[in-house]
Amino acid sequence: RLRSDYLAITTFGVAVVVQLVALNAQKLTGGPFGIGFIPRPFGGLAETPLLFNLSNLAVVSVVTLIVYL
């Protein structure tokens, strides 16, 4: 088991490795440009940024209520 400083160093090392893999796996992650082929949720429902944000807020609120009740 890792403790204290060694845990912090190992966690940082794993994070750097994951970042490098994500940047170099361009077919999977899109590389440094990110994933651009995922469709927006509520595509036709939210045409303006305000409606999009309000619809996301509604979904988050409903999920939060379900989880905490």
N, C-alpha and C. Protein backbone atom coordinates (compact mmCIF):
# COMPACT_ATOMS: atom_id res chain seq x y z
N ARG A 1 0.84 -1.19 0.00
CA ARG A 1 0.00 0.00 0.00
C ARG A 1 0.88 1.25 0.00
N LEU A 2 0.40 2.24 -0.72
CA LEU A 2 1.13 3.50 -0.78
C LEU A 2 0.58 4.46 0.27
N ARG A 3 1.46 5.19 0.87
CA ARG A 3 1.03 6.16 1.88
C ARG A 3 1.70 7.50 1.64
N SER A 4 1.01 8.52 2.09
CA SER A 4 1.55 9.87 2.17
C SER A 4 2.15 10.37 0.86
N ASP A 5 3.42 10.69 0.88
CA ASP A 5 4.07 11.30 -0.28
C ASP A 5 4.10 10.36 -1.48
N TYR A 6 4.30 9.06 -1.23
CA TYR A 6 4.35 8.11 -2.34
C TYR A 6 3.01 7.99 -3.04
N LEU A 7 1.92 8.08 -2.29
CA LEU A 7 0.59 8.05 -2.90
C LEU A 7 0.39 9.27 -3.78
N ALA A 8 0.81 10.43 -3.31
CA ALA A 8 0.67 11.66 -4.10
C ALA A 8 1.50 11.59 -5.38
N ILE A 9 2.72 11.11 -5.29
CA ILE A 9 3.59 11.01 -6.47
C ILE A 9 3.03 10.00 -7.46
N THR A 10 2.55 8.87 -6.97
CA THR A 10 1.98 7.85 -7.85
C THR A 10 0.71 8.35 -8.52
N THR A 11 -0.15 9.04 -7.78
CA THR A 11 -1.38 9.59 -8.35
C THR A 11 -1.06 10.59 -9.44
N PHE A 12 -0.09 11.45 -9.20
CA PHE A 12 0.33 12.42 -10.21
C PHE A 12 0.88 11.71 -11.45
N GLY A 13 1.68 10.70 -11.24
CA GLY A 13 2.25 9.94 -12.36
C GLY A 13 1.18 9.27 -13.20
N VAL A 14 0.18 8.67 -12.55
CA VAL A 14 -0.92 8.03 -13.27
C VAL A 14 -1.72 9.07 -14.05
N ALA A 15 -1.94 10.24 -13.47
CA ALA A 15 -2.68 11.30 -14.16
C ALA A 15 -1.93 11.76 -15.41
N VAL A 16 -0.62 11.87 -15.33
CA VAL A 16 0.18 12.29 -16.48
C VAL A 16 0.12 11.23 -17.58
N VAL A 17 0.20 9.97 -17.19
CA VAL A 17 0.14 8.88 -18.18
C VAL A 17 -1.23 8.86 -18.86
N VAL A 18 -2.30 9.01 -18.10
CA VAL A 18 -3.66 9.02 -18.68
C VAL A 18 -3.81 10.20 -19.63
N GLN A 19 -3.29 11.35 -19.27
CA GLN A 19 -3.37 12.52 -20.15
C GLN A 19 -2.62 12.28 -21.45
N LEU A 20 -1.43 11.73 -21.37
CA LEU A 20 -0.65 11.46 -22.58
C LEU A 20 -1.32 10.43 -23.47
N VAL A 21 -1.90 9.40 -22.88
CA VAL A 21 -2.61 8.40 -23.67
C VAL A 21 -3.82 9.02 -24.35
N ALA A 22 -4.56 9.86 -23.63
CA ALA A 22 -5.74 10.50 -24.21
C ALA A 22 -5.36 11.45 -25.34
N LEU A 23 -4.25 12.14 -25.21
CA LEU A 23 -3.82 13.05 -26.27
C LEU A 23 -3.31 12.30 -27.50
N ASN A 24 -2.71 11.14 -27.29
CA ASN A 24 -2.12 10.40 -28.41
C ASN A 24 -3.09 9.43 -29.08
N ALA A 25 -4.20 9.12 -28.44
CA ALA A 25 -5.20 8.21 -29.03
C ALA A 25 -6.20 9.04 -29.82
N GLN A 26 -5.76 9.59 -30.95
CA GLN A 26 -6.59 10.54 -31.69
C GLN A 26 -7.84 9.92 -32.27
N LYS A 27 -7.82 8.67 -32.67
CA LYS A 27 -9.02 8.06 -33.23
C LYS A 27 -10.09 7.87 -32.17
N LEU A 28 -9.70 7.64 -30.93
CA LEU A 28 -10.65 7.41 -29.85
C LEU A 28 -11.10 8.70 -29.19
N THR A 29 -10.15 9.58 -28.87
CA THR A 29 -10.48 10.78 -28.09
C THR A 29 -10.47 12.07 -28.90
N GLY A 30 -10.01 12.03 -30.13
CA GLY A 30 -9.90 13.26 -30.91
C GLY A 30 -8.63 14.02 -30.63
N GLY A 31 -7.75 13.45 -29.81
CA GLY A 31 -6.48 14.10 -29.51
C GLY A 31 -6.65 15.42 -28.80
N PRO A 32 -5.83 16.41 -29.10
CA PRO A 32 -5.90 17.69 -28.41
C PRO A 32 -7.14 18.51 -28.77
N PHE A 33 -7.85 18.10 -29.83
CA PHE A 33 -9.04 18.85 -30.24
C PHE A 33 -10.31 18.36 -29.55
N GLY A 34 -10.24 17.24 -28.86
CA GLY A 34 -11.38 16.73 -28.13
C GLY A 34 -12.33 15.92 -28.99
N ILE A 35 -13.35 15.41 -28.33
CA ILE A 35 -14.33 14.59 -29.02
C ILE A 35 -15.36 15.52 -29.65
N GLY A 36 -15.45 15.49 -30.97
CA GLY A 36 -16.36 16.40 -31.65
C GLY A 36 -17.54 15.73 -32.30
N PHE A 37 -17.63 14.42 -32.20
CA PHE A 37 -18.67 13.70 -32.92
C PHE A 37 -19.83 13.27 -32.03
N ILE A 38 -19.90 13.75 -30.80
CA ILE A 38 -21.00 13.41 -29.91
C ILE A 38 -22.12 14.43 -30.12
N PRO A 39 -23.33 13.98 -30.41
CA PRO A 39 -24.42 14.94 -30.62
C PRO A 39 -24.81 15.63 -29.31
N ARG A 40 -25.27 16.87 -29.42
CA ARG A 40 -25.71 17.60 -28.23
C ARG A 40 -26.98 16.99 -27.67
N PRO A 41 -27.09 16.88 -26.36
CA PRO A 41 -28.35 16.42 -25.79
C PRO A 41 -29.42 17.49 -26.01
N PHE A 42 -30.65 17.07 -26.13
CA PHE A 42 -31.77 17.99 -26.39
C PHE A 42 -31.53 18.76 -27.68
N GLY A 43 -31.03 18.11 -28.71
CA GLY A 43 -30.64 18.75 -29.95
C GLY A 43 -31.63 19.75 -30.50
N GLY A 44 -32.85 19.32 -30.81
CA GLY A 44 -33.83 20.23 -31.38
C GLY A 44 -34.61 20.99 -30.33
N LEU A 45 -34.60 20.50 -29.11
CA LEU A 45 -35.38 21.12 -28.04
C LEU A 45 -34.78 22.45 -27.60
N ALA A 46 -33.47 22.51 -27.50
CA ALA A 46 -32.81 23.70 -26.99
C ALA A 46 -32.04 24.38 -28.12
N GLU A 47 -32.68 25.35 -28.74
CA GLU A 47 -32.04 26.03 -29.86
C GLU A 47 -31.15 27.18 -29.42
N THR A 48 -31.45 27.79 -28.28
CA THR A 48 -30.63 28.89 -27.79
C THR A 48 -29.82 28.40 -26.58
N PRO A 49 -28.71 29.06 -26.28
CA PRO A 49 -27.91 28.64 -25.11
C PRO A 49 -28.71 28.72 -23.81
N LEU A 50 -29.61 29.68 -23.68
CA LEU A 50 -30.40 29.79 -22.46
C LEU A 50 -31.30 28.58 -22.29
N LEU A 51 -32.01 28.18 -23.33
CA LEU A 51 -32.88 27.00 -23.24
C LEU A 51 -32.07 25.73 -23.00
N PHE A 52 -30.92 25.64 -23.63
CA PHE A 52 -30.05 24.48 -23.43
C PHE A 52 -29.63 24.38 -21.97
N ASN A 53 -29.19 25.50 -21.39
CA ASN A 53 -28.75 25.49 -19.99
C ASN A 53 -29.90 25.22 -19.04
N LEU A 54 -31.07 25.78 -19.33
CA LEU A 54 -32.23 25.52 -18.48
C LEU A 54 -32.67 24.06 -18.54
N SER A 55 -32.61 23.46 -19.72
CA SER A 55 -32.98 22.05 -19.82
C SER A 55 -31.97 21.17 -19.08
N ASN A 56 -30.70 21.50 -19.16
CA ASN A 56 -29.69 20.76 -18.39
C ASN A 56 -29.90 20.94 -16.89
N LEU A 57 -30.24 22.14 -16.47
CA LEU A 57 -30.52 22.39 -15.06
C LEU A 57 -31.71 21.57 -14.59
N ALA A 58 -32.73 21.46 -15.42
CA ALA A 58 -33.91 20.66 -15.07
C ALA A 58 -33.53 19.19 -14.90
N VAL A 59 -32.72 18.67 -15.81
CA VAL A 59 -32.31 17.26 -15.72
C VAL A 59 -31.48 17.03 -14.46
N VAL A 60 -30.56 17.92 -14.17
CA VAL A 60 -29.73 17.78 -12.97
C VAL A 60 -30.58 17.86 -11.71
N SER A 61 -31.56 18.75 -11.70
CA SER A 61 -32.44 18.88 -10.55
C SER A 61 -33.26 17.61 -10.32
N VAL A 62 -33.81 17.06 -11.38
CA VAL A 62 -34.60 15.83 -11.26
C VAL A 62 -33.74 14.67 -10.77
N VAL A 63 -32.55 14.54 -11.33
CA VAL A 63 -31.65 13.45 -10.89
C VAL A 63 -31.25 13.64 -9.43
N THR A 64 -30.98 14.87 -9.03
CA THR A 64 -30.62 15.15 -7.64
C THR A 64 -31.77 14.79 -6.70
N LEU A 65 -32.99 15.14 -7.07
CA LEU A 65 -34.15 14.78 -6.25
C LEU A 65 -34.32 13.27 -6.15
N ILE A 66 -34.12 12.58 -7.25
CA ILE A 66 -34.26 11.12 -7.24
C ILE A 66 -33.21 10.48 -6.35
N VAL A 67 -31.99 10.99 -6.40
CA VAL A 67 -30.90 10.40 -5.62
C VAL A 67 -31.09 10.64 -4.13
N TYR A 68 -31.53 11.83 -3.77
CA TYR A 68 -31.61 12.17 -2.35
C TYR A 68 -32.94 11.85 -1.70
N LEU A 69 -33.91 11.40 -2.45
CA LEU A 69 -35.19 11.02 -1.83
C LEU A 69 -35.36 9.55 -1.67
